[in-house]
Amino acid sequence: MKGSASGIIAAGCLAVGFGAGFVLRPVIAPVSASPAVAAGVAQPTDSEATAAVRRHRLFTGTALTKATLKLGDCSPGGVGPGVTCMTQLVMDPTKAGATPQNRPIGFARVKGQWEVAVW
């Protein structure tokens, strides 16, 4: 009998603890609406990111002068400096059957201009 009473008391204490945790969670550690803005992290616009990709030289030395890019979610840091953004990239939209590629690309601001940091 003594063991079952202890179990009931322990379960009650656990339930009260979880309930208090859920109630006090927003007070103890509030969640910001936009972590990137709250952290003061700058990110490029679609046109700035597209210009950076068009300036970037691939390992073969060629540039993607016709590339188009749409930015998705960006987060600070990642693999390199600046921000890493999920992008939808089309290498050459003038080619028939050009399909968009979803890939993360890193961007860093260098001398006031956004550059590709991680390809």
PDB file of N, CA and C in Angstrom:
ATOM      1  N   MET A   1       0.823  -1.199   0.000  1.00  0.00           N
ATOM      2  CA  MET A   1       0.000   0.000   0.000  1.00  0.00           C
ATOM      3  C   MET A   1       0.859   1.251   0.000  1.00  0.00           C
ATOM      4  N   LYS A   2       1.974   1.160   0.762  1.00  0.00           N
ATOM      5  CA  LYS A   2       2.852   2.309   0.876  1.00  0.00           C
ATOM      6  C   LYS A   2       3.499   2.655  -0.476  1.00  0.00           C
ATOM      7  N   GLY A   3       3.837   1.633  -1.284  1.00  0.00           N
ATOM      8  CA  GLY A   3       4.457   1.842  -2.593  1.00  0.00           C
ATOM      9  C   GLY A   3       3.518   2.521  -3.582  1.00  0.00           C
ATOM     10  N   SER A   4       2.241   2.142  -3.586  1.00  0.00           N
ATOM     11  CA  SER A   4       1.298   2.739  -4.520  1.00  0.00           C
ATOM     12  C   SER A   4       0.998   4.192  -4.150  1.00  0.00           C
ATOM     13  N   ALA A   5       0.990   4.512  -2.853  1.00  0.00           N
ATOM     14  CA  ALA A   5       0.774   5.897  -2.424  1.00  0.00           C
ATOM     15  C   ALA A   5       1.947   6.769  -2.859  1.00  0.00           C
ATOM     16  N   SER A   6       3.157   6.232  -2.767  1.00  0.00           N
ATOM     17  CA  SER A   6       4.341   6.988  -3.210  1.00  0.00           C
ATOM     18  C   SER A   6       4.285   7.235  -4.709  1.00  0.00           C
ATOM     19  N   GLY A   7       3.844   6.224  -5.468  1.00  0.00           N
ATOM     20  CA  GLY A   7       3.732   6.369  -6.920  1.00  0.00           C
ATOM     21  C   GLY A   7       2.719   7.423  -7.309  1.00  0.00           C
ATOM     22  N   ILE A   8       1.589   7.457  -6.619  1.00  0.00           N
ATOM     23  CA  ILE A   8       0.552   8.453  -6.902  1.00  0.00           C
ATOM     24  C   ILE A   8       1.059   9.853  -6.580  1.00  0.00           C
ATOM     25  N   ILE A   9       1.759   9.993  -5.461  1.00  0.00           N
ATOM     26  CA  ILE A   9       2.303  11.306  -5.084  1.00  0.00           C
ATOM     27  C   ILE A   9       3.366  11.745  -6.099  1.00  0.00           C
ATOM     28  N   ALA A  10       4.230  10.806  -6.519  1.00  0.00           N
ATOM     29  CA  ALA A  10       5.266  11.132  -7.505  1.00  0.00           C
ATOM     30  C   ALA A  10       4.640  11.550  -8.835  1.00  0.00           C
ATOM     31  N   ALA A  11       3.612  10.826  -9.283  1.00  0.00           N
ATOM     32  CA  ALA A  11       2.929  11.168 -10.537  1.00  0.00           C
ATOM     33  C   ALA A  11       2.265  12.541 -10.435  1.00  0.00           C
ATOM     34  N   GLY A  12       1.671  12.836  -9.273  1.00  0.00           N
ATOM     35  CA  GLY A  12       1.043  14.152  -9.073  1.00  0.00           C
ATOM     36  C   GLY A  12       2.070  15.272  -9.111  1.00  0.00           C
ATOM     37  N   CYS A  13       3.211  15.051  -8.440  1.00  0.00           N
ATOM     38  CA  CYS A  13       4.280  16.067  -8.461  1.00  0.00           C
ATOM     39  C   CYS A  13       4.811  16.278  -9.876  1.00  0.00           C
ATOM     40  N   LEU A  14       4.957  15.189 -10.628  1.00  0.00           N
ATOM     41  CA  LEU A  14       5.430  15.285 -12.007  1.00  0.00           C
ATOM     42  C   LEU A  14       4.450  16.077 -12.870  1.00  0.00           C
ATOM     43  N   ALA A  15       3.162  15.812 -12.691  1.00  0.00           N
ATOM     44  CA  ALA A  15       2.139  16.530 -13.456  1.00  0.00           C
ATOM     45  C   ALA A  15       2.151  18.021 -13.113  1.00  0.00           C
ATOM     46  N   VAL A  16       2.278  18.354 -11.841  1.00  0.00           N
ATOM     47  CA  VAL A  16       2.331  19.762 -11.426  1.00  0.00           C
ATOM     48  C   VAL A  16       3.583  20.433 -11.996  1.00  0.00           C
ATOM     49  N   GLY A  17       4.708  19.734 -11.982  1.00  0.00           N
ATOM     50  CA  GLY A  17       5.955  20.285 -12.524  1.00  0.00           C
ATOM     51  C   GLY A  17       5.864  20.559 -14.012  1.00  0.00           C
ATOM     52  N   PHE A  18       5.328  19.593 -14.783  1.00  0.00           N
ATOM     53  CA  PHE A  18       5.153  19.809 -16.220  1.00  0.00           C
ATOM     54  C   PHE A  18       4.188  20.959 -16.496  1.00  0.00           C
ATOM     55  N   GLY A  19       3.092  21.004 -15.751  1.00  0.00           N
ATOM     56  CA  GLY A  19       2.123  22.086 -15.939  1.00  0.00           C
ATOM     57  C   GLY A  19       2.739  23.446 -15.664  1.00  0.00           C
ATOM     58  N   ALA A  20       3.522  23.548 -14.588  1.00  0.00           N
ATOM     59  CA  ALA A  20       4.172  24.816 -14.263  1.00  0.00           C
ATOM     60  C   ALA A  20       5.195  25.183 -15.333  1.00  0.00           C
ATOM     61  N   GLY A  21       5.893  24.185 -15.874  1.00  0.00           N
ATOM     62  CA  GLY A  21       6.863  24.446 -16.935  1.00  0.00           C
ATOM     63  C   GLY A  21       6.207  25.004 -18.187  1.00  0.00           C
ATOM     64  N   PHE A  22       5.075  24.423 -18.584  1.00  0.00           N
ATOM     65  CA  PHE A  22       4.370  24.917 -19.768  1.00  0.00           C
ATOM     66  C   PHE A  22       3.809  26.321 -19.554  1.00  0.00           C
ATOM     67  N   VAL A  23       3.349  26.602 -18.345  1.00  0.00           N
ATOM     68  CA  VAL A  23       2.783  27.915 -18.049  1.00  0.00           C
ATOM     69  C   VAL A  23       3.886  28.979 -17.987  1.00  0.00           C
ATOM     70  N   LEU A  24       5.016  28.659 -17.349  1.00  0.00           N
ATOM     71  CA  LEU A  24       6.084  29.643 -17.156  1.00  0.00           C
ATOM     72  C   LEU A  24       7.068  29.736 -18.318  1.00  0.00           C
ATOM     73  N   ARG A  25       7.009  28.836 -19.281  1.00  0.00           N
ATOM     74  CA  ARG A  25       7.956  28.829 -20.411  1.00  0.00           C
ATOM     75  C   ARG A  25       8.011  30.163 -21.152  1.00  0.00           C
ATOM     76  N   PRO A  26       6.891  30.771 -21.529  1.00  0.00           N
ATOM     77  CA  PRO A  26       6.967  32.058 -22.241  1.00  0.00           C
ATOM     78  C   PRO A  26       7.548  33.180 -21.386  1.00  0.00           C
ATOM     79  N   VAL A  27       7.420  33.079 -20.077  1.00  0.00           N
ATOM     80  CA  VAL A  27       7.948  34.110 -19.183  1.00  0.00           C
ATOM     81  C   VAL A  27       9.456  33.959 -19.014  1.00  0.00           C
ATOM     82  N   ILE A  28       9.918  32.723 -18.871  1.00  0.00           N
ATOM     83  CA  ILE A  28      11.338  32.458 -18.630  1.00  0.00           C
ATOM     84  C   ILE A  28      12.169  32.685 -19.886  1.00  0.00           C
ATOM     85  N   ALA A  29      11.737  32.146 -21.020  1.00  0.00           N
ATOM     86  CA  ALA A  29      12.487  32.258 -22.276  1.00  0.00           C
ATOM     87  C   ALA A  29      11.535  32.588 -23.415  1.00  0.00           C
ATOM     88  N   PRO A  30      11.203  33.871 -23.601  1.00  0.00           N
ATOM     89  CA  PRO A  30      10.274  34.229 -24.674  1.00  0.00           C
ATOM     90  C   PRO A  30      10.869  33.951 -26.048  1.00  0.00           C
ATOM     91  N   VAL A  31      10.014  33.617 -26.997  1.00  0.00           N
ATOM     92  CA  VAL A  31      10.421  33.326 -28.370  1.00  0.00           C
ATOM     93  C   VAL A  31      10.233  34.595 -29.189  1.00  0.00           C
ATOM     94  N   SER A  32      11.287  35.022 -29.910  1.00  0.00           N
ATOM     95  CA  SER A  32      11.162  36.214 -30.751  1.00  0.00           C
ATOM     96  C   SER A  32      10.474  35.843 -32.057  1.00  0.00           C
ATOM     97  N   ALA A  33       9.849  36.816 -32.683  1.00  0.00           N
ATOM     98  CA  ALA A  33       9.116  36.573 -33.922  1.00  0.00           C
ATOM     99  C   ALA A  33      10.050  36.243 -35.076  1.00  0.00           C
ATOM    100  N   SER A  34      11.197  36.879 -35.134  1.00  0.00           N
ATOM    101  CA  SER A  34      12.131  36.655 -36.225  1.00  0.00           C
ATOM    102  C   SER A  34      13.550  36.621 -35.672  1.00  0.00           C
ATOM    103  N   PRO A  35      14.143  35.439 -35.527  1.00  0.00           N
ATOM    104  CA  PRO A  35      15.472  35.342 -34.934  1.00  0.00           C
ATOM    105  C   PRO A  35      16.536  36.114 -35.702  1.00  0.00           C
ATOM    106  N   ALA A  36      16.477  36.140 -37.045  1.00  0.00           N
ATOM    107  CA  ALA A  36      17.499  36.836 -37.830  1.00  0.00           C
ATOM    108  C   ALA A  36      17.434  38.342 -37.595  1.00  0.00           C
ATOM    109  N   VAL A  37      16.228  38.887 -37.504  1.00  0.00           N
ATOM    110  CA  VAL A  37      16.081  40.316 -37.259  1.00  0.00           C
ATOM    111  C   VAL A  37      16.456  40.650 -35.827  1.00  0.00           C
ATOM    112  N   ALA A  38      16.045  39.793 -34.892  1.00  0.00           N
ATOM    113  CA  ALA A  38      16.343  40.047 -33.493  1.00  0.00           C
ATOM    114  C   ALA A  38      17.840  39.993 -33.223  1.00  0.00           C
ATOM    115  N   ALA A  39      18.555  39.148 -33.928  1.00  0.00           N
ATOM    116  CA  ALA A  39      20.002  39.022 -33.748  1.00  0.00           C
ATOM    117  C   ALA A  39      20.751  40.122 -34.498  1.00  0.00           C
ATOM    118  N   GLY A  40      20.054  40.939 -35.274  1.00  0.00           N
ATOM    119  CA  GLY A  40      20.694  42.030 -36.003  1.00  0.00           C
ATOM    120  C   GLY A  40      21.507  41.549 -37.198  1.00  0.00           C
ATOM    121  N   VAL A  41      21.095  40.440 -37.805  1.00  0.00           N
ATOM    122  CA  VAL A  41      21.826  39.882 -38.938  1.00  0.00           C
ATOM    123  C   VAL A  41      21.240  40.426 -40.230  1.00  0.00           C
ATOM    124  N   ALA A  42      22.099  41.010 -41.058  1.00  0.00           N
ATOM    125  CA  ALA A  42      21.662  41.520 -42.357  1.00  0.00           C
ATOM    126  C   ALA A  42      21.640  40.378 -43.354  1.00  0.00           C
ATOM    127  N   GLN A  43      20.777  40.488 -44.342  1.00  0.00           N
ATOM    128  CA  GLN A  43      20.737  39.503 -45.409  1.00  0.00           C
ATOM    129  C   GLN A  43      20.480  40.214 -46.732  1.00  0.00           C
ATOM    130  N   PRO A  44      20.935  39.621 -47.847  1.00  0.00           N
ATOM    131  CA  PRO A  44      20.764  40.285 -49.139  1.00  0.00           C
ATOM    132  C   PRO A  44      19.323  40.219 -49.628  1.00  0.00           C
ATOM    133  N   THR A  45      18.996  41.132 -50.523  1.00  0.00           N
ATOM    134  CA  THR A  45      17.707  41.070 -51.208  1.00  0.00           C
ATOM    135  C   THR A  45      17.851  40.088 -52.370  1.00  0.00           C
ATOM    136  N   ASP A  46      16.737  39.762 -53.031  1.00  0.00           N
ATOM    137  CA  ASP A  46      16.798  38.862 -54.189  1.00  0.00           C
ATOM    138  C   ASP A  46      17.717  39.421 -55.272  1.00  0.00           C
ATOM    139  N   SER A  47      17.613  40.723 -55.542  1.00  0.00           N
ATOM    140  CA  SER A  47      18.441  41.312 -56.604  1.00  0.00           C
ATOM    141  C   SER A  47      19.920  41.345 -56.223  1.00  0.00           C
ATOM    142  N   GLU A  48      20.230  41.617 -54.952  1.00  0.00           N
ATOM    143  CA  GLU A  48      21.626  41.614 -54.504  1.00  0.00           C
ATOM    144  C   GLU A  48      22.211  40.205 -54.557  1.00  0.00           C
ATOM    145  N   ALA A  49      21.417  39.204 -54.161  1.00  0.00           N
ATOM    146  CA  ALA A  49      21.882  37.814 -54.200  1.00  0.00           C
ATOM    147  C   ALA A  49      22.081  37.345 -55.638  1.00  0.00           C
ATOM    148  N   THR A  50      21.169  37.720 -56.531  1.00  0.00           N
ATOM    149  CA  THR A  50      21.312  37.348 -57.939  1.00  0.00           C
ATOM    150  C   THR A  50      22.560  37.975 -58.532  1.00  0.00           C
ATOM    151  N   ALA A  51      22.807  39.239 -58.222  1.00  0.00           N
ATOM    152  CA  ALA A  51      24.020  39.909 -58.726  1.00  0.00           C
ATOM    153  C   ALA A  51      25.283  39.229 -58.201  1.00  0.00           C
ATOM    154  N   ALA A  52      25.268  38.804 -56.948  1.00  0.00           N
ATOM    155  CA  ALA A  52      26.434  38.116 -56.367  1.00  0.00           C
ATOM    156  C   ALA A  52      26.684  36.784 -57.063  1.00  0.00           C
ATOM    157  N   VAL A  53      25.617  36.040 -57.350  1.00  0.00           N
ATOM    158  CA  VAL A  53      25.772  34.753 -58.047  1.00  0.00           C
ATOM    159  C   VAL A  53      26.275  34.977 -59.465  1.00  0.00           C
ATOM    160  N   ARG A  54      25.798  36.012 -60.119  1.00  0.00           N
ATOM    161  CA  ARG A  54      26.255  36.291 -61.498  1.00  0.00           C
ATOM    162  C   ARG A  54      27.716  36.726 -61.534  1.00  0.00           C
ATOM    163  N   ARG A  55      28.220  37.367 -60.479  1.00  0.00           N
ATOM    164  CA  ARG A  55      29.640  37.764 -60.418  1.00  0.00           C
ATOM    165  C   ARG A  55      30.544  36.600 -60.041  1.00  0.00           C
ATOM    166  N   HIS A  56      29.995  35.614 -59.353  1.00  0.00           N
ATOM    167  CA  HIS A  56      30.791  34.491 -58.835  1.00  0.00           C
ATOM    168  C   HIS A  56      31.353  33.654 -59.985  1.00  0.00           C
ATOM    169  N   ARG A  57      32.612  33.274 -59.863  1.00  0.00           N
ATOM    170  CA  ARG A  57      33.265  32.406 -60.853  1.00  0.00           C
ATOM    171  C   ARG A  57      33.291  30.983 -60.319  1.00  0.00           C
ATOM    172  N   LEU A  58      32.850  30.036 -61.144  1.00  0.00           N
ATOM    173  CA  LEU A  58      32.905  28.640 -60.754  1.00  0.00           C
ATOM    174  C   LEU A  58      34.348  28.154 -60.817  1.00  0.00           C
ATOM    175  N   PHE A  59      34.603  26.932 -60.339  1.00  0.00           N
ATOM    176  CA  PHE A  59      35.961  26.400 -60.352  1.00  0.00           C
ATOM    177  C   PHE A  59      36.517  26.284 -61.767  1.00  0.00           C
ATOM    178  N   THR A  60      35.653  26.255 -62.781  1.00  0.00           N
ATOM    179  CA  THR A  60      36.098  26.193 -64.175  1.00  0.00           C
ATOM    180  C   THR A  60      36.446  27.578 -64.718  1.00  0.00           C
ATOM    181  N   GLY A  61      36.154  28.619 -63.948  1.00  0.00           N
ATOM    182  CA  GLY A  61      36.428  29.988 -64.382  1.00  0.00           C
ATOM    183  C   GLY A  61      35.260  30.661 -65.078  1.00  0.00           C
ATOM    184  N   THR A  62      34.179  29.929 -65.282  1.00  0.00           N
ATOM    185  CA  THR A  62      33.021  30.511 -65.956  1.00  0.00           C
ATOM    186  C   THR A  62      32.099  31.179 -64.940  1.00  0.00           C
ATOM    187  N   ALA A  63      31.390  32.181 -65.418  1.00  0.00           N
ATOM    188  CA  ALA A  63      30.423  32.894 -64.585  1.00  0.00           C
ATOM    189  C   ALA A  63      29.013  32.512 -65.015  1.00  0.00           C
ATOM    190  N   LEU A  64      28.091  32.603 -64.102  1.00  0.00           N
ATOM    191  CA  LEU A  64      26.685  32.311 -64.393  1.00  0.00           C
ATOM    192  C   LEU A  64      25.964  33.630 -64.676  1.00  0.00           C
ATOM    193  N   THR A  65      26.263  34.242 -65.815  1.00  0.00           N
ATOM    194  CA  THR A  65      25.764  35.586 -66.111  1.00  0.00           C
ATOM    195  C   THR A  65      24.257  35.642 -66.359  1.00  0.00           C
ATOM    196  N   LYS A  66      23.629  34.487 -66.619  1.00  0.00           N
ATOM    197  CA  LYS A  66      22.189  34.469 -66.878  1.00  0.00           C
ATOM    198  C   LYS A  66      21.384  33.876 -65.719  1.00  0.00           C
ATOM    199  N   ALA A  67      22.048  33.536 -64.638  1.00  0.00           N
ATOM    200  CA  ALA A  67      21.384  32.863 -63.523  1.00  0.00           C
ATOM    201  C   ALA A  67      20.309  33.736 -62.895  1.00  0.00           C
ATOM    202  N   THR A  68      19.248  33.088 -62.438  1.00  0.00           N
ATOM    203  CA  THR A  68      18.214  33.766 -61.662  1.00  0.00           C
ATOM    204  C   THR A  68      18.122  33.076 -60.311  1.00  0.00           C
ATOM    205  N   LEU A  69      17.753  33.827 -59.301  1.00  0.00           N
ATOM    206  CA  LEU A  69      17.784  33.309 -57.942  1.00  0.00           C
ATOM    207  C   LEU A  69      16.641  33.892 -57.132  1.00  0.00           C
ATOM    208  N   LYS A  70      16.005  33.050 -56.328  1.00  0.00           N
ATOM    209  CA  LYS A  70      14.991  33.492 -55.363  1.00  0.00           C
ATOM    210  C   LYS A  70      15.456  33.045 -53.993  1.00  0.00           C
ATOM    211  N   LEU A  71      15.456  33.974 -53.053  1.00  0.00           N
ATOM    212  CA  LEU A  71      15.883  33.653 -51.689  1.00  0.00           C
ATOM    213  C   LEU A  71      14.737  33.074 -50.881  1.00  0.00           C
ATOM    214  N   GLY A  72      15.096  32.134 -50.018  1.00  0.00           N
ATOM    215  CA  GLY A  72      14.162  31.586 -49.045  1.00  0.00           C
ATOM    216  C   GLY A  72      14.583  32.048 -47.661  1.00  0.00           C
ATOM    217  N   ASP A  73      14.532  31.153 -46.707  1.00  0.00           N
ATOM    218  CA  ASP A  73      14.926  31.466 -45.331  1.00  0.00           C
ATOM    219  C   ASP A  73      16.441  31.625 -45.231  1.00  0.00           C
ATOM    220  N   CYS A  74      16.878  32.610 -44.460  1.00  0.00           N
ATOM    221  CA  CYS A  74      18.298  32.838 -44.219  1.00  0.00           C
ATOM    222  C   CYS A  74      18.584  32.693 -42.733  1.00  0.00           C
ATOM    223  N   SER A  75      19.767  32.188 -42.426  1.00  0.00           N
ATOM    224  CA  SER A  75      20.187  32.069 -41.032  1.00  0.00           C
ATOM    225  C   SER A  75      21.624  32.551 -40.912  1.00  0.00           C
ATOM    226  N   PRO A  76      21.988  33.109 -39.754  1.00  0.00           N
ATOM    227  CA  PRO A  76      23.344  33.631 -39.593  1.00  0.00           C
ATOM    228  C   PRO A  76      24.382  32.524 -39.570  1.00  0.00           C
ATOM    229  N   GLY A  77      25.580  32.884 -40.016  1.00  0.00           N
ATOM    230  CA  GLY A  77      26.720  31.967 -39.912  1.00  0.00           C
ATOM    231  C   GLY A  77      26.626  30.784 -40.831  1.00  0.00           C
ATOM    232  N   GLY A  78      26.484  29.611 -40.251  1.00  0.00           N
ATOM    233  CA  GLY A  78      26.500  28.393 -41.048  1.00  0.00           C
ATOM    234  C   GLY A  78      27.936  27.966 -41.284  1.00  0.00           C
ATOM    235  N   VAL A  79      28.265  27.651 -42.505  1.00  0.00           N
ATOM    236  CA  VAL A  79      29.600  27.167 -42.842  1.00  0.00           C
ATOM    237  C   VAL A  79      30.606  28.301 -42.951  1.00  0.00           C
ATOM    238  N   GLY A  80      30.190  29.446 -43.458  1.00  0.00           N
ATOM    239  CA  GLY A  80      31.115  30.563 -43.660  1.00  0.00           C
ATOM    240  C   GLY A  80      30.626  31.827 -42.989  1.00  0.00           C
ATOM    241  N   PRO A  81      31.252  32.946 -43.307  1.00  0.00           N
ATOM    242  CA  PRO A  81      30.821  34.219 -42.719  1.00  0.00           C
ATOM    243  C   PRO A  81      29.512  34.700 -43.338  1.00  0.00           C
ATOM    244  N   GLY A  82      28.862  35.632 -42.673  1.00  0.00           N
ATOM    245  CA  GLY A  82      27.634  36.208 -43.218  1.00  0.00           C
ATOM    246  C   GLY A  82      26.417  35.365 -42.915  1.00  0.00           C
ATOM    247  N   VAL A  83      25.619  35.085 -43.945  1.00  0.00           N
ATOM    248  CA  VAL A  83      24.388  34.312 -43.798  1.00  0.00           C
ATOM    249  C   VAL A  83      24.358  33.174 -44.806  1.00  0.00           C
ATOM    250  N   THR A  84      23.635  32.139 -44.451  1.00  0.00           N
ATOM    251  CA  THR A  84      23.388  31.039 -45.370  1.00  0.00           C
ATOM    252  C   THR A  84      21.901  31.052 -45.669  1.00  0.00           C
ATOM    253  N   CYS A  85      21.560  31.102 -46.956  1.00  0.00           N
ATOM    254  CA  CYS A  85      20.161  31.192 -47.364  1.00  0.00           C
ATOM    255  C   CYS A  85      19.786  29.989 -48.221  1.00  0.00           C
ATOM    256  N   MET A  86      18.579  29.504 -48.020  1.00  0.00           N
ATOM    257  CA  MET A  86      18.040  28.491 -48.919  1.00  0.00           C
ATOM    258  C   MET A  86      17.588  29.234 -50.161  1.00  0.00           C
ATOM    259  N   THR A  87      17.993  28.754 -51.321  1.00  0.00           N
ATOM    260  CA  THR A  87      17.692  29.461 -52.568  1.00  0.00           C
ATOM    261  C   THR A  87      17.056  28.524 -53.581  1.00  0.00           C
ATOM    262  N   GLN A  88      16.412  29.137 -54.550  1.00  0.00           N
ATOM    263  CA  GLN A  88      15.932  28.423 -55.729  1.00  0.00           C
ATOM    264  C   GLN A  88      16.691  29.041 -56.898  1.00  0.00           C
ATOM    265  N   LEU A  89      17.601  28.268 -57.473  1.00  0.00           N
ATOM    266  CA  LEU A  89      18.532  28.765 -58.479  1.00  0.00           C
ATOM    267  C   LEU A  89      18.254  28.126 -59.826  1.00  0.00           C
ATOM    268  N   VAL A  90      18.216  28.952 -60.882  1.00  0.00           N
ATOM    269  CA  VAL A  90      18.149  28.465 -62.256  1.00  0.00           C
ATOM    270  C   VAL A  90      19.412  28.968 -62.933  1.00  0.00           C
ATOM    271  N   MET A  91      20.275  28.033 -63.342  1.00  0.00           N
ATOM    272  CA  MET A  91      21.578  28.392 -63.910  1.00  0.00           C
ATOM    273  C   MET A  91      21.444  29.204 -65.195  1.00  0.00           C
ATOM    274  N   ASP A  92      20.621  28.718 -66.137  1.00  0.00           N
ATOM    275  CA  ASP A  92      20.428  29.418 -67.410  1.00  0.00           C
ATOM    276  C   ASP A  92      18.966  29.279 -67.821  1.00  0.00           C
ATOM    277  N   PRO A  93      18.138  30.261 -67.471  1.00  0.00           N
ATOM    278  CA  PRO A  93      16.707  30.157 -67.760  1.00  0.00           C
ATOM    279  C   PRO A  93      16.370  30.187 -69.252  1.00  0.00           C
ATOM    280  N   THR A  94      17.325  30.567 -70.107  1.00  0.00           N
ATOM    281  CA  THR A  94      17.058  30.623 -71.543  1.00  0.00           C
ATOM    282  C   THR A  94      17.126  29.247 -72.192  1.00  0.00           C
ATOM    283  N   LYS A  95      17.753  28.271 -71.532  1.00  0.00           N
ATOM    284  CA  LYS A  95      17.831  26.914 -72.078  1.00  0.00           C
ATOM    285  C   LYS A  95      16.505  26.193 -71.882  1.00  0.00           C
ATOM    286  N   ALA A  96      16.133  25.399 -72.895  1.00  0.00           N
ATOM    287  CA  ALA A  96      14.901  24.626 -72.789  1.00  0.00           C
ATOM    288  C   ALA A  96      15.067  23.561 -71.708  1.00  0.00           C
ATOM    289  N   GLY A  97      14.077  23.414 -70.886  1.00  0.00           N
ATOM    290  CA  GLY A  97      14.110  22.401 -69.841  1.00  0.00           C
ATOM    291  C   GLY A  97      14.936  22.783 -68.623  1.00  0.00           C
ATOM    292  N   ALA A  98      15.273  24.057 -68.466  1.00  0.00           N
ATOM    293  CA  ALA A  98      16.030  24.493 -67.286  1.00  0.00           C
ATOM    294  C   ALA A  98      15.149  24.360 -66.056  1.00  0.00           C
ATOM    295  N   THR A  99      15.612  23.587 -65.109  1.00  0.00           N
ATOM    296  CA  THR A  99      14.830  23.362 -63.895  1.00  0.00           C
ATOM    297  C   THR A  99      15.483  24.071 -62.721  1.00  0.00           C
ATOM    298  N   PRO A 100      14.680  24.607 -61.814  1.00  0.00           N
ATOM    299  CA  PRO A 100      15.243  25.257 -60.634  1.00  0.00           C
ATOM    300  C   PRO A 100      15.858  24.235 -59.682  1.00  0.00           C
ATOM    301  N   GLN A 101      16.951  24.634 -59.057  1.00  0.00           N
ATOM    302  CA  GLN A 101      17.623  23.805 -58.062  1.00  0.00           C
ATOM    303  C   GLN A 101      17.441  24.451 -56.694  1.00  0.00           C
ATOM    304  N   ASN A 102      17.015  23.677 -55.723  1.00  0.00           N
ATOM    305  CA  ASN A 102      16.903  24.165 -54.350  1.00  0.00           C
ATOM    306  C   ASN A 102      18.201  23.843 -53.644  1.00  0.00           C
ATOM    307  N   ARG A 103      18.930  24.878 -53.212  1.00  0.00           N
ATOM    308  CA  ARG A 103      20.218  24.652 -52.559  1.00  0.00           C
ATOM    309  C   ARG A 103      20.561  25.796 -51.626  1.00  0.00           C
ATOM    310  N   PRO A 104      21.305  25.505 -50.565  1.00  0.00           N
ATOM    311  CA  PRO A 104      21.770  26.571 -49.679  1.00  0.00           C
ATOM    312  C   PRO A 104      22.996  27.254 -50.278  1.00  0.00           C
ATOM    313  N   ILE A 105      23.026  28.564 -50.184  1.00  0.00           N
ATOM    314  CA  ILE A 105      24.173  29.348 -50.654  1.00  0.00           C
ATOM    315  C   ILE A 105      24.509  30.357 -49.559  1.00  0.00           C
ATOM    316  N   GLY A 106      25.794  30.499 -49.268  1.00  0.00           N
ATOM    317  CA  GLY A 106      26.243  31.457 -48.266  1.00  0.00           C
ATOM    318  C   GLY A 106      26.573  32.798 -48.903  1.00  0.00           C
ATOM    319  N   PHE A 107      26.230  33.865 -48.219  1.00  0.00           N
ATOM    320  CA  PHE A 107      26.513  35.216 -48.687  1.00  0.00           C
ATOM    321  C   PHE A 107      27.219  35.993 -47.589  1.00  0.00           C
ATOM    322  N   ALA A 108      28.182  36.820 -47.997  1.00  0.00           N
ATOM    323  CA  ALA A 108      28.889  37.693 -47.059  1.00  0.00           C
ATOM    324  C   ALA A 108      28.992  39.070 -47.676  1.00  0.00           C
ATOM    325  N   ARG A 109      28.930  40.094 -46.829  1.00  0.00           N
ATOM    326  CA  ARG A 109      29.064  41.475 -47.315  1.00  0.00           C
ATOM    327  C   ARG A 109      30.547  41.828 -47.297  1.00  0.00           C
ATOM    328  N   VAL A 110      31.066  42.181 -48.499  1.00  0.00           N
ATOM    329  CA  VAL A 110      32.469  42.547 -48.654  1.00  0.00           C
ATOM    330  C   VAL A 110      32.523  43.946 -49.263  1.00  0.00           C
ATOM    331  N   LYS A 111      33.087  44.889 -48.522  1.00  0.00           N
ATOM    332  CA  LYS A 111      33.201  46.289 -48.962  1.00  0.00           C
ATOM    333  C   LYS A 111      31.865  46.840 -49.448  1.00  0.00           C
ATOM    334  N   GLY A 112      30.806  46.565 -48.673  1.00  0.00           N
ATOM    335  CA  GLY A 112      29.486  47.116 -48.974  1.00  0.00           C
ATOM    336  C   GLY A 112      28.714  46.375 -50.043  1.00  0.00           C
ATOM    337  N   GLN A 113      29.218  45.256 -50.533  1.00  0.00           N
ATOM    338  CA  GLN A 113      28.582  44.523 -51.622  1.00  0.00           C
ATOM    339  C   GLN A 113      28.464  43.041 -51.214  1.00  0.00           C
ATOM    340  N   TRP A 114      27.342  42.422 -51.504  1.00  0.00           N
ATOM    341  CA  TRP A 114      27.144  41.004 -51.179  1.00  0.00           C
ATOM    342  C   TRP A 114      27.901  40.138 -52.167  1.00  0.00           C
ATOM    343  N   GLU A 115      28.602  39.153 -51.635  1.00  0.00           N
ATOM    344  CA  GLU A 115      29.356  38.191 -52.458  1.00  0.00           C
ATOM    345  C   GLU A 115      28.966  36.777 -52.028  1.00  0.00           C
ATOM    346  N   VAL A 116      29.142  35.824 -52.942  1.00  0.00           N
ATOM    347  CA  VAL A 116      28.900  34.419 -52.610  1.00  0.00           C
ATOM    348  C   VAL A 116      30.053  33.951 -51.735  1.00  0.00           C
ATOM    349  N   ALA A 117      29.738  33.431 -50.555  1.00  0.00           N
ATOM    350  CA  ALA A 117      30.768  32.986 -49.626  1.00  0.00           C
ATOM    351  C   ALA A 117      30.918  31.473 -49.660  1.00  0.00           C
ATOM    352  N   VAL A 118      29.827  30.744 -49.793  1.00  0.00           N
ATOM    353  CA  VAL A 118      29.858  29.289 -49.820  1.00  0.00           C
ATOM    354  C   VAL A 118      28.987  28.820 -50.955  1.00  0.00           C
ATOM    355  N   TRP A 119      29.535  28.080 -51.882  1.00  0.00           N
ATOM    356  CA  TRP A 119      28.767  27.592 -53.024  1.00  0.00           C
ATOM    357  C   TRP A 119      28.375  26.183 -52.811  1.00  0.00           C
TER     358      TRP A 119
END
